[in-house]
Structure formats: structure tokens, C-alpha cells
């Protein structure tokens, strides 16, 4: 599964880990993360993330 990076602070969303502290279970693809989810480090919205380059 593809990782996504926050363009504001550099936080990496890894689907294997999810974001359980904010209600996103491990194994959740980024496309399936709720639209109202925000970066756990800086609070940027989901639209501030882009796919990571390999």
C-alpha cells in the first residue's frame, strides 16, 4: 500500500500502521481515511497529503 506525506510538516501516513490514536485502524488505505481526518503532527487537512515517491 502506498504511503502519503504531509506537504506541511513531512509526517508520513503509512497504511500498515494507520493512525489508531485518531480513529484510523492499521491496514487502512489512504483513500479510505475519513475526509475530516487531519495530520496528527500539524493538523493539516487530508488534502495537504500527496503520494510518496519511491
N, C-alpha and C. Protein backbone atom coordinates (compact mmCIF):
# COMPACT_ATOMS: atom_id res chain seq x y z
N UNK A 1 0.85 -1.19 0.00
CA UNK A 1 0.00 0.00 0.00
C UNK A 1 0.89 1.25 0.00
N UNK A 2 0.40 2.25 -0.67
CA UNK A 2 1.18 3.47 -0.87
C UNK A 2 1.17 4.36 0.38
N UNK A 3 2.33 4.92 0.70
CA UNK A 3 2.45 5.87 1.79
C UNK A 3 2.20 7.29 1.26
N UNK A 4 1.72 8.15 2.14
CA UNK A 4 1.45 9.55 1.79
C UNK A 4 2.20 10.45 2.75
N UNK A 5 2.66 11.59 2.25
CA UNK A 5 3.43 12.52 3.07
C UNK A 5 2.70 13.85 3.19
N UNK A 6 2.71 14.42 4.40
CA UNK A 6 2.12 15.74 4.63
C UNK A 6 3.06 16.79 4.04
N UNK A 7 2.54 17.60 3.14
CA UNK A 7 3.35 18.63 2.48
C UNK A 7 3.68 19.78 3.44
N UNK A 8 2.99 19.86 4.57
CA UNK A 8 3.22 20.94 5.52
C UNK A 8 4.37 20.59 6.47
N UNK A 9 4.33 19.38 7.06
CA UNK A 9 5.32 19.06 8.10
C UNK A 9 6.17 17.83 7.82
N UNK A 10 5.82 17.06 6.80
CA UNK A 10 6.61 15.89 6.46
C UNK A 10 6.17 14.59 7.12
N UNK A 11 5.09 14.63 7.90
CA UNK A 11 4.57 13.40 8.52
C UNK A 11 4.23 12.39 7.42
N UNK A 12 4.57 11.14 7.65
CA UNK A 12 4.29 10.10 6.67
C UNK A 12 3.16 9.22 7.18
N UNK A 13 2.08 9.14 6.39
CA UNK A 13 0.98 8.23 6.70
C UNK A 13 1.32 6.88 6.08
N UNK A 14 1.48 5.88 6.91
CA UNK A 14 1.78 4.52 6.46
C UNK A 14 0.55 3.67 6.71
N UNK A 15 -0.08 3.16 5.63
CA UNK A 15 -1.30 2.37 5.80
C UNK A 15 -1.11 1.14 6.68
N UNK A 16 0.10 0.59 6.72
CA UNK A 16 0.34 -0.58 7.57
C UNK A 16 0.15 -0.24 9.04
N UNK A 17 0.43 1.02 9.41
CA UNK A 17 0.29 1.45 10.80
C UNK A 17 -1.03 2.17 11.05
N UNK A 18 -1.58 2.83 10.03
CA UNK A 18 -2.77 3.64 10.22
C UNK A 18 -2.48 4.79 11.17
N UNK A 19 -3.51 5.24 11.86
CA UNK A 19 -3.37 6.29 12.88
C UNK A 19 -4.38 5.97 13.98
N UNK A 20 -4.11 4.86 14.72
CA UNK A 20 -5.10 4.40 15.70
C UNK A 20 -5.45 5.41 16.78
N UNK A 21 -4.52 6.31 17.11
CA UNK A 21 -4.80 7.33 18.12
C UNK A 21 -5.88 8.30 17.66
N UNK A 22 -6.10 8.36 16.33
CA UNK A 22 -7.09 9.27 15.77
C UNK A 22 -8.17 8.53 14.98
N UNK A 23 -8.39 7.27 15.33
CA UNK A 23 -9.52 6.52 14.79
C UNK A 23 -9.31 5.87 13.44
N UNK A 24 -8.07 5.75 12.98
CA UNK A 24 -7.80 5.10 11.69
C UNK A 24 -7.04 3.80 11.97
N UNK A 25 -7.71 2.68 11.72
CA UNK A 25 -7.13 1.38 12.01
C UNK A 25 -5.95 1.06 11.11
N UNK A 26 -5.03 0.25 11.62
CA UNK A 26 -3.92 -0.26 10.82
C UNK A 26 -4.51 -1.00 9.62
N UNK A 27 -3.86 -0.87 8.47
CA UNK A 27 -4.34 -1.52 7.25
C UNK A 27 -5.30 -0.67 6.44
N UNK A 28 -5.55 0.57 6.86
CA UNK A 28 -6.47 1.47 6.15
C UNK A 28 -5.74 2.22 5.05
N UNK A 29 -6.16 1.98 3.79
CA UNK A 29 -5.59 2.72 2.67
C UNK A 29 -5.90 4.21 2.84
N UNK A 30 -5.01 5.05 2.32
CA UNK A 30 -5.20 6.50 2.47
C UNK A 30 -6.53 6.95 1.88
N UNK A 31 -6.92 6.35 0.76
CA UNK A 31 -8.19 6.71 0.12
C UNK A 31 -9.38 6.44 1.03
N UNK A 32 -9.22 5.52 1.97
CA UNK A 32 -10.31 5.15 2.87
C UNK A 32 -10.26 5.89 4.21
N UNK A 33 -9.24 6.72 4.40
CA UNK A 33 -9.15 7.55 5.61
C UNK A 33 -10.28 8.59 5.53
N UNK A 34 -11.01 8.84 6.62
CA UNK A 34 -12.10 9.82 6.57
C UNK A 34 -11.63 11.20 6.09
N UNK A 35 -12.50 11.88 5.35
CA UNK A 35 -12.16 13.20 4.81
C UNK A 35 -11.89 14.24 5.89
N UNK A 36 -12.44 14.03 7.09
CA UNK A 36 -12.23 15.01 8.15
C UNK A 36 -11.01 14.68 9.02
N UNK A 37 -10.25 13.65 8.64
CA UNK A 37 -9.01 13.31 9.36
C UNK A 37 -7.99 14.42 9.12
N UNK A 38 -7.14 14.67 10.10
CA UNK A 38 -6.10 15.70 9.98
C UNK A 38 -4.75 15.11 10.38
N UNK A 39 -3.71 15.70 9.88
CA UNK A 39 -2.35 15.28 10.23
C UNK A 39 -2.19 15.30 11.74
N UNK A 40 -1.73 14.19 12.34
CA UNK A 40 -1.60 14.16 13.79
C UNK A 40 -0.47 15.05 14.33
N UNK A 41 0.43 15.49 13.47
CA UNK A 41 1.51 16.35 13.94
C UNK A 41 1.20 17.83 13.82
N UNK A 42 0.66 18.24 12.66
CA UNK A 42 0.48 19.68 12.44
C UNK A 42 -0.97 20.10 12.25
N UNK A 43 -1.88 19.14 12.10
CA UNK A 43 -3.30 19.46 11.96
C UNK A 43 -3.73 19.80 10.54
N UNK A 44 -2.82 19.66 9.56
CA UNK A 44 -3.19 19.93 8.16
C UNK A 44 -4.27 18.95 7.71
N UNK A 45 -5.13 19.39 6.80
CA UNK A 45 -6.20 18.50 6.35
C UNK A 45 -5.68 17.46 5.36
N UNK A 46 -6.53 16.48 5.06
CA UNK A 46 -6.15 15.35 4.22
C UNK A 46 -5.69 15.81 2.83
N UNK A 47 -6.21 16.92 2.34
CA UNK A 47 -5.82 17.44 1.03
C UNK A 47 -4.37 17.91 0.99
N UNK A 48 -3.74 18.06 2.14
CA UNK A 48 -2.34 18.50 2.20
C UNK A 48 -1.36 17.34 2.05
N UNK A 49 -1.86 16.13 1.81
CA UNK A 49 -1.01 14.97 1.65
C UNK A 49 -0.88 14.60 0.18
N UNK A 50 0.28 14.06 -0.16
CA UNK A 50 0.49 13.58 -1.53
C UNK A 50 1.23 12.23 -1.46
N UNK A 51 1.08 11.42 -2.52
CA UNK A 51 1.75 10.12 -2.52
C UNK A 51 3.26 10.27 -2.45
N UNK A 52 3.90 9.38 -1.73
CA UNK A 52 5.36 9.41 -1.62
C UNK A 52 5.96 8.82 -2.88
N UNK A 53 7.06 9.41 -3.31
CA UNK A 53 7.82 8.85 -4.42
C UNK A 53 8.66 7.70 -3.89
N UNK A 54 8.81 6.67 -4.67
CA UNK A 54 9.65 5.53 -4.26
C UNK A 54 11.11 5.85 -4.41
